Amino acid sequence: MAELTLKERLRKAALAVDESGRRPGFASVIATPLKRWVTARTPVEYLLIVPQDLRTADPSFWTELEHGQFGLAGSLLMLKGRSPFEADAPNAAWASELHGFGWLRNLDAVGSEEARLTGRRLALEWTLRFGHARTGVAAAPAVSARRLISWLSHANFLLEDADPETYGAITRSLGRQLAHLSSTWREAPDGYERLLAVMALAFAVLSLAGHDKKLRDVEANLAAELSWQVLADGGHITRNPALLVELLLDLLPLCQCFTARDRKLPLGVSETLEHMLPMLRYLRLGDGMLARFNGVGCSEAAALATVAAYDDGSLGPLREARASGYARLECGATTIIADVGRPPALAQSSQAQAGCLSFEMSDGRELLFVNGGLPGPAAGDWFPAARATASHNTLVLAETSSSRLITHRKIEALTGAPPLRYPERVEWQLVEGDGVSLEASHDGYYRRHELIHSRRLQLTADGLRLQGRDRLDGLNGKIRLRVDLPFAIHFHLAPSARCGRGDAFDEAVITLPGGQRWRFSVEGAALSIEESVYFAENAGPRPRQQIVLRGVTFGETEVNWVAERLPEGNLE
C-alpha cells in the first residue's frame, strides 16, 4: 500500500471515531441531543462540529478538586470551601490557566456525572462573574483564545443533557467570547499569543453555526500569521522548540475542522505543517525529548509523542536548520544538538536564553550533557539564573553572559520578563566526512572585551568520541588585553548522570544510569567537578553535577577537550 501523505493522514483522522465510543475523532459532528434546545434568542443556535483536544488529560485533577485543591501552573491552591474564582490567585500564571479553562479536559476525562456537573457549574459561574469583562486576565486575548478553544473542544461535556437555561447561558457566552476575541485579537503581543488568538477564531467560526461569512477573513489572518511566525526550516521565530509542540497541538485539530467542514486549508497551512514536523524531529535527542534551548522547560512526554505520531518519516529528514540557528550532529548512537543562532527579535526574546554555542548530547536514550532549561512558573525566582550563559554547556568569559538583558518597559509589561540581545554575528558550518564536525563562532563578548568565542565539535563516525576545541581571540588576529580575564567552560551533566575524578588530574569519568561510561579529558585549562542546578523539573530545580574547565586569557587562548565512550566495564 502506498504511503499516505500528511494531508491524507489528516483527512483520515478527521473522519475517524475513537474505538472506545466515548469521544469522536478530530472535529466530529456534534451529537443531535445538543440541538434540541435551540431558541430564536440563542446567538449560537448550535455547534456544527466539536474539535478534539489533543492535550493529555490528568484525571487526578478531579481527586485533588474533591479534596479542596486546585492545582494549576505548578502551584496548588487550597480552596477552603471557596470557588476558585473567589480565591486570590497565587501567581499570574495560575490565574491565566484558571480563566483559560484548559483544565476542563481533566474533568471530562473522569467520565462521571459529578465531574460533569462541576465543570458545567464552574463554566456558568465564570459566565456570571466574568462573561462581560473587557479588562483583566479573563479578557486578555491569549486567555480568551484558550478558553474559547477549551469550551468548544469540550462542548459535549458542557452541554450534553443540559437544561434549556444552562444550554442558553453557555452558548450565549460562546457568542460573546467570539465577539470579544474578534475585536481584541490584534491587541495580543506579536508572536505565539496572537497566532493562538487567530487559531481560536478559526476554531470558533468553523464550529459554530451561522459564522461562515467570517471564514475568509479568518483564513487570511491565519495564513498571514503562520507565514511570518514559522520560519523556512519549520522553527518558530522565538527559537523556542517547545512552542512547536504547543502550536501543533492546536494546528492539527484545526486542520481537521477545515477538513470536516469540506473546506480547503488556508494557503500555506499544509506546507507549514510539513516543515514543522521534521523540525520537531531535528530538535529531539536520543531520549525522544526536546533539547533545552531558548524557553524549553519540563517537556510533556505525552504531548510530544502525540504530535510526533503525525510524523511517519515520509516527509524526510531536515538536513540543516539555518533559519532557526540549530545544528544537529548524529553518528552511531550519539546525538548532539547545538545552538548556533542569534537571539530572536527583542519582542520575541523574553523567554530566550544566553546559550550561544552551547550543546546537548545523548548516548542512545541516555542523556549525557544537558543545559539547565527553563523553570516552571512556580519557580520564577530562578528564571534569571536559568537564562544566564553559565547555565549552558558553553564558555563564560569574565563571569558575564554572552547576551545582555535589555530594559524595555513595554515588552516587559507584555511578557513579564526583559528581552535579550546579542550576539549579533554568529557564523557556523557543518562538515561531513569521516564523521561530522561543527565550526562556529559568535561575537557576544566583543563589545565588552574585543574577543570572539569560536568552538569546534568533531564527532567520529562511530559516535564514540567527541573532540572539542574552544578558542578566544581577536576579531582580526591576536590582541593583548590590559588585564587577564577569567573564563569557565561548563559541561552540565544530566541529573541522572554521575561524575568522578579519573586517574589523571585532567580527567573525569561520567557514568550514565545504564552503566555506560565516558571519559572526559582536557588540555589548556584546569578541570574541576562542581555542583550545578537543573531547572527543567515539574517539582522545581534540582541539584546535579557539572565539569568546569577554568583558566585566564590575555587575549588569545585555546582549550582542547575530549569526551570518549569507554568500553563496557572499562575504567581505564
Protein backbone atom coordinates (compact mmCIF):
# COMPACT_ATOMS: atom_id res chain seq x y z
CA MET A 1 0.00 0.00 0.00
CA ALA A 2 1.34 3.41 -0.92
CA GLU A 3 2.40 5.73 1.91
CA LEU A 4 -0.24 8.27 2.88
CA THR A 5 0.73 11.90 2.55
CA LEU A 6 0.35 14.22 5.52
CA LYS A 7 -2.80 15.72 4.00
CA GLU A 8 -4.31 12.25 3.53
CA ARG A 9 -3.47 11.25 7.10
CA LEU A 10 -5.09 14.43 8.40
CA ARG A 11 -8.25 13.77 6.41
CA LYS A 12 -8.36 10.16 7.62
CA ALA A 13 -8.01 11.32 11.22
CA ALA A 14 -10.81 13.83 10.76
CA LEU A 15 -13.27 11.11 9.84
CA ALA A 16 -12.11 8.60 12.44
CA VAL A 17 -14.10 7.64 15.52
CA ASP A 18 -12.43 6.53 18.73
CA GLU A 19 -12.92 2.77 19.17
CA SER A 20 -13.93 3.32 22.78
CA GLY A 21 -17.03 5.16 21.58
CA ARG A 22 -16.57 7.83 24.27
CA ARG A 23 -15.20 10.58 22.09
CA PRO A 24 -15.45 11.27 18.38
CA GLY A 25 -12.30 11.83 16.42
CA PHE A 26 -10.92 15.23 15.42
CA ALA A 27 -13.71 17.63 14.50
CA SER A 28 -16.72 15.37 14.88
CA VAL A 29 -20.26 16.41 14.02
CA ILE A 30 -21.93 17.30 17.27
CA ALA A 31 -24.48 14.88 18.75
CA THR A 32 -28.11 15.55 17.88
CA PRO A 33 -29.33 15.94 21.51
CA LEU A 34 -27.33 19.15 21.82
CA LYS A 35 -29.52 20.80 19.17
CA ARG A 36 -32.84 20.24 20.87
CA TRP A 37 -32.81 23.41 22.99
CA VAL A 38 -32.42 25.81 20.07
CA THR A 39 -34.31 29.05 20.54
CA ALA A 40 -34.54 32.18 18.45
CA ARG A 41 -32.76 34.15 21.17
CA THR A 42 -29.66 31.93 21.23
CA PRO A 43 -26.83 33.77 19.39
CA VAL A 44 -25.15 30.41 18.75
CA GLU A 45 -28.01 28.20 17.61
CA TYR A 46 -25.94 25.02 17.57
CA LEU A 47 -22.46 23.65 17.03
CA LEU A 48 -21.59 22.12 13.69
CA ILE A 49 -18.50 20.27 14.86
CA VAL A 50 -16.62 19.66 18.09
CA PRO A 51 -12.82 19.87 17.75
CA GLN A 52 -10.78 17.25 19.55
CA ASP A 53 -8.46 18.28 22.37
CA LEU A 54 -5.09 16.61 21.71
CA ARG A 55 -3.62 17.58 25.05
CA THR A 56 -3.29 14.80 27.59
CA ALA A 57 -5.83 14.83 30.40
CA ASP A 58 -5.00 14.20 34.06
CA PRO A 59 -7.97 12.63 35.88
CA SER A 60 -6.16 13.00 39.21
CA PHE A 61 -7.09 16.68 38.98
CA TRP A 62 -10.61 15.65 39.96
CA THR A 63 -9.31 13.80 43.02
CA GLU A 64 -7.47 16.94 44.13
CA LEU A 65 -10.56 19.04 43.50
CA GLU A 66 -12.63 16.70 45.66
CA HIS A 67 -10.15 17.39 48.47
CA GLY A 68 -10.46 21.16 48.02
CA GLN A 69 -7.27 21.64 45.99
CA PHE A 70 -6.92 23.46 42.67
CA GLY A 71 -3.50 22.92 41.11
CA LEU A 72 -2.51 24.91 38.04
CA ALA A 73 0.78 26.18 36.55
CA GLY A 74 2.83 24.33 39.15
CA SER A 75 1.02 25.99 42.09
CA LEU A 76 -1.55 24.39 44.39
CA LEU A 77 -4.31 26.50 45.93
CA MET A 78 -6.35 25.30 48.91
CA LEU A 79 -9.92 26.38 48.21
CA LYS A 80 -11.25 26.02 51.78
CA GLY A 81 -14.79 25.79 50.51
CA ARG A 82 -14.44 28.72 48.12
CA SER A 83 -14.85 28.80 44.39
CA PRO A 84 -11.52 29.10 42.53
CA PHE A 85 -12.94 32.30 41.03
CA GLU A 86 -13.30 33.77 44.53
CA ALA A 87 -9.81 32.87 45.78
CA ASP A 88 -6.72 35.03 45.41
CA ALA A 89 -4.55 33.58 42.65
CA PRO A 90 -1.08 32.53 43.86
CA ASN A 91 0.51 33.98 40.70
CA ALA A 92 -0.33 35.34 37.26
CA ALA A 93 0.32 32.02 35.50
CA TRP A 94 -2.19 30.26 37.79
CA ALA A 95 -4.82 32.93 37.08
CA SER A 96 -4.26 32.66 33.32
CA GLU A 97 -4.71 28.90 33.38
CA LEU A 98 -7.81 29.20 35.57
CA HIS A 99 -9.53 31.56 33.14
CA GLY A 100 -8.24 29.62 30.14
CA PHE A 101 -10.24 26.52 31.19
CA GLY A 102 -7.69 24.06 29.81
CA TRP A 103 -8.35 22.06 32.98
CA LEU A 104 -11.79 21.12 31.60
CA ARG A 105 -10.11 18.20 29.83
CA ASN A 106 -9.16 16.75 33.21
CA LEU A 107 -12.77 16.76 34.40
CA ASP A 108 -14.01 15.46 31.05
CA ALA A 109 -11.63 12.51 31.32
CA VAL A 110 -13.13 11.39 34.64
CA GLY A 111 -16.32 10.25 32.97
CA SER A 112 -18.55 10.78 36.00
CA GLU A 113 -21.73 12.83 36.20
CA GLU A 114 -20.42 14.60 39.28
CA ALA A 115 -17.32 15.80 37.40
CA ARG A 116 -19.54 16.93 34.50
CA LEU A 117 -21.81 18.92 36.80
CA THR A 118 -18.80 20.52 38.48
CA GLY A 119 -17.29 21.59 35.16
CA ARG A 120 -20.63 22.95 33.97
CA ARG A 121 -21.16 24.81 37.26
CA LEU A 122 -17.74 26.46 37.00
CA ALA A 123 -18.37 27.46 33.39
CA LEU A 124 -21.68 29.03 34.39
CA GLU A 125 -20.04 30.78 37.33
CA TRP A 126 -17.38 32.21 35.04
CA THR A 127 -20.12 33.45 32.71
CA LEU A 128 -21.87 35.27 35.55
CA ARG A 129 -18.71 36.74 37.07
CA PHE A 130 -16.55 37.50 34.02
CA GLY A 131 -18.70 36.96 30.94
CA HIS A 132 -18.91 40.70 30.21
CA ALA A 133 -15.38 41.63 31.35
CA ARG A 134 -13.36 43.74 28.94
CA THR A 135 -10.23 44.13 31.08
CA GLY A 136 -8.20 41.96 33.39
CA VAL A 137 -6.72 38.50 32.97
CA ALA A 138 -10.04 36.92 31.91
CA ALA A 139 -10.28 39.29 28.93
CA ALA A 140 -6.66 39.01 27.75
CA PRO A 141 -6.61 37.81 24.11
CA ALA A 142 -4.44 34.74 24.72
CA VAL A 143 -6.50 33.69 27.75
CA SER A 144 -9.75 34.34 25.86
CA ALA A 145 -8.42 32.26 22.98
CA ARG A 146 -7.52 29.30 25.17
CA ARG A 147 -10.91 29.44 26.91
CA LEU A 148 -12.81 29.57 23.62
CA ILE A 149 -10.89 26.57 22.28
CA SER A 150 -11.42 24.66 25.53
CA TRP A 151 -15.17 25.28 25.65
CA LEU A 152 -15.57 24.29 22.01
CA SER A 153 -13.41 21.17 22.38
CA HIS A 154 -15.44 20.06 25.41
CA ALA A 155 -18.87 21.19 24.24
CA ASN A 156 -20.25 17.66 24.63
CA PHE A 157 -19.06 17.65 28.22
CA LEU A 158 -20.60 21.05 28.99
CA LEU A 159 -23.87 20.79 27.06
CA GLU A 160 -24.93 17.16 26.80
CA ASP A 161 -28.34 16.76 28.51
CA ALA A 162 -28.18 20.31 29.85
CA ASP A 163 -31.47 22.08 30.65
CA PRO A 164 -32.56 24.90 28.32
CA GLU A 165 -31.42 27.67 30.68
CA THR A 166 -27.93 26.19 31.07
CA TYR A 167 -27.61 25.48 27.38
CA GLY A 168 -28.64 29.02 26.51
CA ALA A 169 -26.29 30.61 29.05
CA ILE A 170 -23.25 28.70 27.79
CA THR A 171 -23.98 29.18 24.10
CA ARG A 172 -24.69 32.88 24.61
CA SER A 173 -21.36 33.13 26.39
CA LEU A 174 -19.65 31.41 23.46
CA GLY A 175 -21.12 34.03 21.17
CA ARG A 176 -19.92 36.88 23.40
CA GLN A 177 -16.46 35.34 23.68
CA LEU A 178 -16.23 35.06 19.91
CA ALA A 179 -17.29 38.69 19.50
CA HIS A 180 -14.83 39.86 22.16
CA LEU A 181 -11.89 37.99 20.67
CA SER A 182 -12.80 39.17 17.17
CA SER A 183 -12.38 42.76 18.36
CA THR A 184 -9.28 42.27 20.55
CA TRP A 185 -7.04 39.67 18.90
CA ARG A 186 -4.84 42.36 17.34
CA GLU A 187 -4.04 43.58 20.88
CA ALA A 188 -2.23 40.31 21.64
CA PRO A 189 1.57 40.60 21.65
CA ASP A 190 3.25 39.80 18.35
CA GLY A 191 4.11 36.14 18.18
CA TYR A 192 2.60 32.99 19.62
CA GLU A 193 -0.18 34.70 21.62
CA ARG A 194 -1.50 36.45 18.52
CA LEU A 195 -1.33 33.26 16.48
CA LEU A 196 -3.21 31.44 19.26
CA ALA A 197 -5.93 34.10 19.11
CA VAL A 198 -6.28 33.72 15.34
CA MET A 199 -6.44 29.93 15.64
CA ALA A 200 -9.18 30.27 18.29
CA LEU A 201 -11.20 32.45 15.93
CA ALA A 202 -10.79 29.84 13.22
CA PHE A 203 -11.96 27.09 15.58
CA ALA A 204 -14.99 29.17 16.51
CA VAL A 205 -16.20 30.19 13.06
CA LEU A 206 -15.79 26.61 11.82
CA SER A 207 -17.53 25.07 14.83
CA LEU A 208 -20.40 27.49 15.48
CA ALA A 209 -23.34 27.67 13.10
CA GLY A 210 -24.01 30.95 11.35
CA HIS A 211 -20.47 32.33 11.15
CA ASP A 212 -19.29 31.14 7.73
CA LYS A 213 -19.18 34.72 6.42
CA LYS A 214 -16.23 35.39 8.72
CA LEU A 215 -14.19 32.47 7.41
CA ARG A 216 -12.49 34.30 4.56
CA ASP A 217 -11.01 36.98 6.82
CA VAL A 218 -10.05 34.46 9.50
CA GLU A 219 -8.34 32.24 6.93
CA ALA A 220 -6.37 35.19 5.57
CA ASN A 221 -5.25 36.23 9.06
CA LEU A 222 -4.25 32.67 9.92
CA ALA A 223 -2.18 32.33 6.76
CA ALA A 224 -0.52 35.71 7.36
CA GLU A 225 0.44 34.89 10.95
CA LEU A 226 1.83 31.48 10.04
CA SER A 227 3.83 32.89 7.13
CA TRP A 228 5.90 35.21 9.33
CA GLN A 229 5.96 33.23 12.57
CA VAL A 230 7.04 29.87 11.16
CA LEU A 231 10.50 30.04 9.61
CA ALA A 232 11.60 28.38 6.38
CA ASP A 233 13.00 25.35 8.23
CA GLY A 234 9.87 24.93 10.36
CA GLY A 235 11.12 26.60 13.53
CA HIS A 236 9.29 29.39 15.33
CA ILE A 237 10.51 33.00 15.34
CA THR A 238 11.10 32.80 19.10
CA ARG A 239 13.58 29.93 18.52
CA ASN A 240 11.73 28.11 21.31
CA PRO A 241 11.42 24.41 20.32
CA ALA A 242 8.64 23.84 22.88
CA LEU A 243 6.37 26.26 21.02
CA LEU A 244 6.35 23.89 18.05
CA VAL A 245 4.58 21.33 20.23
CA GLU A 246 2.10 23.90 21.51
CA LEU A 247 1.33 25.10 18.00
CA LEU A 248 0.88 21.61 16.61
CA LEU A 249 -1.43 20.58 19.44
CA ASP A 250 -3.85 23.24 18.18
CA LEU A 251 -2.97 23.39 14.50
CA LEU A 252 -3.51 19.68 13.82
CA PRO A 253 -7.09 19.64 15.22
CA LEU A 254 -7.78 22.93 13.44
CA CYS A 255 -6.81 21.34 10.14
CA GLN A 256 -9.29 18.57 10.91
CA CYS A 257 -12.00 21.19 11.40
CA PHE A 258 -11.37 22.55 7.90
CA THR A 259 -11.49 19.01 6.53
CA ALA A 260 -14.67 18.11 8.43
CA ARG A 261 -16.36 21.23 7.01
CA ASP A 262 -15.20 20.30 3.49
CA ARG A 263 -13.13 23.44 3.24
CA LYS A 264 -9.65 23.67 1.77
CA LEU A 265 -6.88 24.51 4.17
CA PRO A 266 -5.82 28.17 4.01
CA LEU A 267 -2.91 28.88 1.73
CA GLY A 268 0.36 27.62 3.18
CA VAL A 269 -1.06 25.77 6.20
CA SER A 270 -0.29 22.26 4.97
CA GLU A 271 3.18 23.38 3.85
CA THR A 272 3.75 24.86 7.31
CA LEU A 273 2.91 21.51 8.91
CA GLU A 274 5.25 19.73 6.53
CA HIS A 275 8.09 21.99 7.72
CA MET A 276 7.26 21.93 11.43
CA LEU A 277 7.12 18.15 11.88
CA PRO A 278 10.65 17.43 10.55
CA MET A 279 11.96 20.40 12.59
CA LEU A 280 10.48 18.86 15.71
CA ARG A 281 12.27 15.60 14.89
CA TYR A 282 15.51 17.52 14.31
CA LEU A 283 15.40 19.05 17.81
CA ARG A 284 14.88 15.79 19.72
CA LEU A 285 17.69 13.96 21.48
CA GLY A 286 18.07 10.21 21.84
CA ASP A 287 15.57 10.05 24.71
CA GLY A 288 12.92 11.48 22.40
CA MET A 289 12.64 14.78 24.29
CA LEU A 290 13.41 18.28 23.08
CA ALA A 291 16.81 19.85 23.66
CA ARG A 292 16.67 22.56 26.33
CA PHE A 293 17.20 25.77 24.35
CA ASN A 294 15.53 29.20 24.47
CA GLY A 295 12.48 28.51 26.59
CA VAL A 296 12.25 24.73 26.78
CA GLY A 297 11.36 23.68 30.30
CA CYS A 298 9.94 20.42 31.55
CA SER A 299 8.65 18.95 28.30
CA GLU A 300 5.50 16.86 28.49
CA ALA A 301 6.40 13.49 27.00
CA ALA A 302 2.78 12.65 26.17
CA ALA A 303 2.22 15.92 24.29
CA LEU A 304 5.43 15.49 22.33
CA ALA A 305 4.56 11.89 21.50
CA THR A 306 1.09 12.93 20.34
CA VAL A 307 2.29 15.41 17.75
CA ALA A 308 5.30 13.28 16.79
CA ALA A 309 2.89 10.49 15.83
CA TYR A 310 1.89 12.58 12.81
CA ASP A 311 5.47 12.42 11.54
CA ASP A 312 5.89 8.99 9.97
CA GLY A 313 9.20 9.94 8.36
CA SER A 314 7.71 10.26 4.89
CA LEU A 315 8.48 13.97 4.90
CA GLY A 316 12.20 13.23 5.00
CA PRO A 317 14.83 14.44 7.48
CA LEU A 318 15.76 18.08 7.89
CA ARG A 319 19.39 18.42 6.87
CA GLU A 320 20.03 21.87 8.31
CA ALA A 321 18.14 24.35 10.47
CA ARG A 322 19.92 27.51 9.43
CA ALA A 323 16.91 29.80 9.69
CA SER A 324 16.32 28.73 13.30
CA GLY A 325 20.02 28.55 14.20
CA TYR A 326 20.38 24.95 15.36
CA ALA A 327 22.86 22.30 14.26
CA ARG A 328 22.50 18.53 14.68
CA LEU A 329 25.39 16.07 14.71
CA GLU A 330 24.45 12.38 14.71
CA CYS A 331 26.76 9.40 14.39
CA GLY A 332 26.25 5.91 15.74
CA ALA A 333 24.16 6.11 18.91
CA THR A 334 25.34 9.64 19.73
CA THR A 335 23.24 12.73 19.06
CA ILE A 336 24.37 16.32 19.58
CA ILE A 337 22.26 19.44 19.11
CA ALA A 338 23.92 22.86 19.27
CA ASP A 339 22.61 26.42 19.50
CA VAL A 340 24.29 28.35 16.69
CA GLY A 341 21.86 31.22 16.24
CA ARG A 342 21.39 34.83 17.22
CA PRO A 343 18.69 35.71 19.74
CA PRO A 344 15.28 36.42 18.21
CA ALA A 345 13.99 39.96 17.77
CA LEU A 346 13.54 41.88 21.03
CA ALA A 347 9.77 41.45 21.09
CA GLN A 348 10.19 37.68 20.81
CA SER A 349 13.15 37.20 23.16
CA SER A 350 11.68 37.34 26.66
CA GLN A 351 11.98 33.55 27.00
CA ALA A 352 15.28 33.31 25.10
CA GLN A 353 18.45 32.21 26.87
CA ALA A 354 22.09 33.25 26.54
CA GLY A 355 23.29 29.85 25.35
CA CYS A 356 25.02 30.62 22.05
CA LEU A 357 27.35 27.74 21.02
CA SER A 358 26.04 25.55 23.84
CA PHE A 359 25.16 21.94 23.03
CA GLU A 360 23.34 18.94 24.42
CA MET A 361 24.40 15.33 23.93
CA SER A 362 22.84 11.90 24.32
CA ASP A 363 24.23 8.37 24.12
CA GLY A 364 21.41 6.23 22.81
CA ARG A 365 18.45 7.04 25.08
CA GLU A 366 20.72 8.21 27.90
CA LEU A 367 21.38 11.93 28.34
CA LEU A 368 24.99 12.98 28.91
CA PHE A 369 25.30 16.80 28.71
CA VAL A 370 22.18 18.98 29.02
CA ASN A 371 21.57 22.69 29.59
CA GLY A 372 19.64 23.93 32.59
CA GLY A 373 16.37 24.52 30.76
CA LEU A 374 13.71 26.93 31.98
CA PRO A 375 11.97 26.62 35.37
CA GLY A 376 8.20 26.41 35.69
CA PRO A 377 6.02 29.33 36.82
CA ALA A 378 6.19 28.23 40.48
CA ALA A 379 9.99 28.59 40.43
CA GLY A 380 10.06 32.01 38.77
CA ASP A 381 12.81 33.29 41.08
CA TRP A 382 15.23 31.02 39.21
CA PHE A 383 14.31 32.46 35.83
CA PRO A 384 17.22 34.96 35.53
CA ALA A 385 19.78 32.31 36.52
CA ALA A 386 18.33 29.85 34.02
CA ARG A 387 18.75 32.38 31.21
CA ALA A 388 22.43 33.04 32.00
CA THR A 389 25.24 31.59 29.90
CA ALA A 390 26.64 29.82 32.97
CA SER A 391 23.60 27.51 32.94
CA HIS A 392 24.54 26.28 29.47
CA ASN A 393 27.21 24.00 28.06
CA THR A 394 29.47 26.67 26.67
CA LEU A 395 32.13 29.21 27.58
CA VAL A 396 31.60 32.09 30.03
CA LEU A 397 34.05 34.99 29.90
CA ALA A 398 34.72 37.25 32.91
CA GLU A 399 31.70 35.80 34.72
CA THR A 400 29.31 37.51 32.30
CA SER A 401 26.82 36.14 29.79
CA SER A 402 27.30 36.30 26.05
CA SER A 403 23.92 38.08 25.79
CA ARG A 404 22.61 41.16 27.58
CA LEU A 405 19.21 41.76 29.14
CA ILE A 406 17.68 44.96 27.76
CA THR A 407 15.43 47.32 29.70
CA HIS A 408 12.24 47.71 27.68
CA ARG A 409 9.18 48.66 29.70
CA LYS A 410 6.62 47.88 27.00
CA ILE A 411 7.94 44.39 26.29
CA GLU A 412 8.38 43.63 29.98
CA ALA A 413 4.81 44.76 30.68
CA LEU A 414 3.50 42.40 28.00
CA THR A 415 5.71 39.39 28.68
CA GLY A 416 6.76 39.75 32.32
CA ALA A 417 10.47 39.45 31.52
CA PRO A 418 13.16 41.64 29.91
CA PRO A 419 14.17 40.93 26.31
CA LEU A 420 17.61 39.69 25.38
CA ARG A 421 20.14 40.97 22.84
CA TYR A 422 23.49 39.85 21.37
CA PRO A 423 25.42 38.17 19.89
CA GLU A 424 24.80 39.95 16.62
CA ARG A 425 27.13 37.86 14.48
CA VAL A 426 27.09 34.06 14.63
CA GLU A 427 28.80 32.04 11.91
CA TRP A 428 28.74 28.27 11.56
CA GLN A 429 29.06 25.36 9.19
CA LEU A 430 28.67 21.60 9.34
CA VAL A 431 31.24 19.46 7.56
CA GLU A 432 30.57 15.78 6.89
CA GLY A 433 33.37 13.37 6.14
CA ASP A 434 34.84 10.80 8.47
CA GLY A 435 32.17 11.63 10.98
CA VAL A 436 30.77 15.14 11.25
CA SER A 437 32.16 18.40 12.62
CA LEU A 438 30.71 21.78 13.54
CA GLU A 439 32.71 25.01 13.28
CA ALA A 440 31.03 28.02 14.89
CA SER A 441 31.81 31.42 16.38
CA HIS A 442 29.98 34.36 17.97
CA ASP A 443 30.76 37.98 18.91
CA GLY A 444 28.78 38.16 22.14
CA TYR A 445 31.86 39.23 24.13
CA TYR A 446 33.32 41.55 21.53
CA ARG A 447 31.73 44.82 22.68
CA ARG A 448 32.96 44.45 26.22
CA HIS A 449 36.23 42.59 25.75
CA GLU A 450 37.04 42.62 21.99
CA LEU A 451 37.15 38.82 21.95
CA ILE A 452 35.48 36.25 19.71
CA HIS A 453 34.50 32.83 21.01
CA SER A 454 34.87 30.03 18.48
CA ARG A 455 34.09 26.36 19.02
CA ARG A 456 34.74 23.15 17.11
CA LEU A 457 32.80 19.95 17.81
CA GLN A 458 34.08 16.90 15.94
CA LEU A 459 32.19 13.61 16.30
CA THR A 460 33.70 10.40 14.96
CA ALA A 461 31.75 8.21 12.55
CA ASP A 462 31.05 5.60 15.24
CA GLY A 463 29.81 8.26 17.66
CA LEU A 464 32.18 7.08 20.40
CA ARG A 465 34.45 10.13 20.56
CA LEU A 466 33.69 13.86 20.65
CA GLN A 467 36.67 16.13 20.26
CA GLY A 468 36.13 19.77 21.15
CA ARG A 469 38.06 23.00 20.90
CA ASP A 470 37.12 26.35 22.45
CA ARG A 471 39.11 29.38 21.42
CA LEU A 472 39.22 33.06 22.39
CA ASP A 473 40.98 35.61 20.20
CA GLY A 474 40.52 38.94 18.47
CA LEU A 475 38.27 39.56 15.51
CA ASN A 476 41.16 40.13 13.10
CA GLY A 477 44.01 38.35 14.79
CA LYS A 478 45.93 38.47 18.05
CA ILE A 479 45.24 41.09 20.70
CA ARG A 480 46.67 41.68 24.17
CA LEU A 481 44.19 42.55 26.91
CA ARG A 482 45.10 45.14 29.52
CA VAL A 483 44.02 42.72 32.25
CA ASP A 484 43.84 38.94 32.12
CA LEU A 485 40.22 37.74 32.17
CA PRO A 486 38.94 34.54 33.76
CA PHE A 487 36.95 32.08 31.71
CA ALA A 488 34.98 28.94 32.53
CA ILE A 489 33.71 26.31 30.09
CA HIS A 490 30.70 24.50 31.55
CA PHE A 491 29.61 20.92 30.84
CA HIS A 492 26.42 20.35 32.84
CA LEU A 493 25.58 16.69 33.28
CA ALA A 494 22.12 15.20 33.05
CA PRO A 495 20.61 14.91 36.55
CA SER A 496 20.73 11.11 36.32
CA ALA A 497 24.46 11.02 35.43
CA ARG A 498 27.27 10.75 37.99
CA CYS A 499 30.80 12.06 37.69
CA GLY A 500 34.07 11.38 39.50
CA ARG A 501 37.78 12.00 39.05
CA GLY A 502 39.72 9.91 36.57
CA ASP A 503 43.23 8.55 37.02
CA ALA A 504 44.83 11.82 35.90
CA PHE A 505 44.32 15.33 37.26
CA ASP A 506 42.91 16.47 33.90
CA GLU A 507 40.37 13.65 33.58
CA ALA A 508 36.87 12.88 34.80
CA VAL A 509 34.71 9.78 34.32
CA ILE A 510 30.97 10.12 33.74
CA THR A 511 28.67 7.18 34.49
CA LEU A 512 25.20 7.02 32.98
CA PRO A 513 22.28 5.15 34.59
CA GLY A 514 22.56 2.29 32.10
CA GLY A 515 26.21 1.70 33.05
CA GLN A 516 27.83 3.42 30.08
CA ARG A 517 30.98 5.37 30.98
CA TRP A 518 32.51 8.35 29.27
CA ARG A 519 35.98 9.72 29.96
CA PHE A 520 36.40 13.49 29.74
CA SER A 521 39.90 14.98 29.43
CA VAL A 522 41.27 18.47 28.79
CA GLU A 523 44.38 20.38 27.72
CA GLY A 524 44.77 24.12 28.31
CA ALA A 525 42.59 24.57 31.39
CA ALA A 526 42.09 23.24 34.92
CA LEU A 527 39.34 20.65 35.30
CA SER A 528 37.02 20.63 38.31
CA ILE A 529 33.81 18.80 39.22
CA GLU A 530 31.30 21.18 40.74
CA GLU A 531 27.67 21.43 41.78
CA SER A 532 25.07 22.66 39.30
CA VAL A 533 21.31 23.18 39.09
CA TYR A 534 18.83 21.64 36.67
CA PHE A 535 15.80 23.90 36.26
CA ALA A 536 13.50 21.99 33.90
CA GLU A 537 11.66 19.91 36.50
CA ASN A 538 7.98 19.94 37.44
CA ALA A 539 8.90 19.64 41.11
CA GLY A 540 11.29 22.59 40.91
CA PRO A 541 15.05 22.96 40.39
CA ARG A 542 17.20 20.03 41.48
CA PRO A 543 20.94 19.61 42.08
CA ARG A 544 23.28 17.88 39.66
CA GLN A 545 26.95 17.91 38.71
CA GLN A 546 28.98 19.74 36.11
CA ILE A 547 32.51 19.59 34.75
CA VAL A 548 34.06 23.07 34.57
CA LEU A 549 37.25 23.99 32.71
CA ARG A 550 38.76 27.14 34.21
CA GLY A 551 41.58 29.43 33.20
CA VAL A 552 42.52 33.01 32.34
CA THR A 553 43.07 34.61 28.97
CA PHE A 554 45.30 37.50 27.99
CA GLY A 555 43.62 37.79 24.59
CA GLU A 556 44.40 34.50 22.86
CA THR A 557 43.54 31.16 24.43
CA GLU A 558 42.77 27.67 23.17
CA VAL A 559 41.33 24.81 25.19
CA ASN A 560 41.09 21.31 23.76
CA TRP A 561 38.92 18.63 25.34
CA VAL A 562 37.71 15.13 24.53
CA ALA A 563 34.73 13.08 25.62
CA GLU A 564 35.09 9.40 24.66
CA ARG A 565 32.96 6.38 25.47
CA LEU A 566 34.80 3.69 27.40
CA PRO A 567 34.37 0.01 26.54
CA GLU A 568 31.85 -1.78 28.72
CA GLY A 569 33.30 -2.46 32.18
CA ASN A 570 36.49 -0.49 31.48
CA LEU A 571 37.51 2.38 33.74
CA GLU A 572 40.90 2.95 32.17
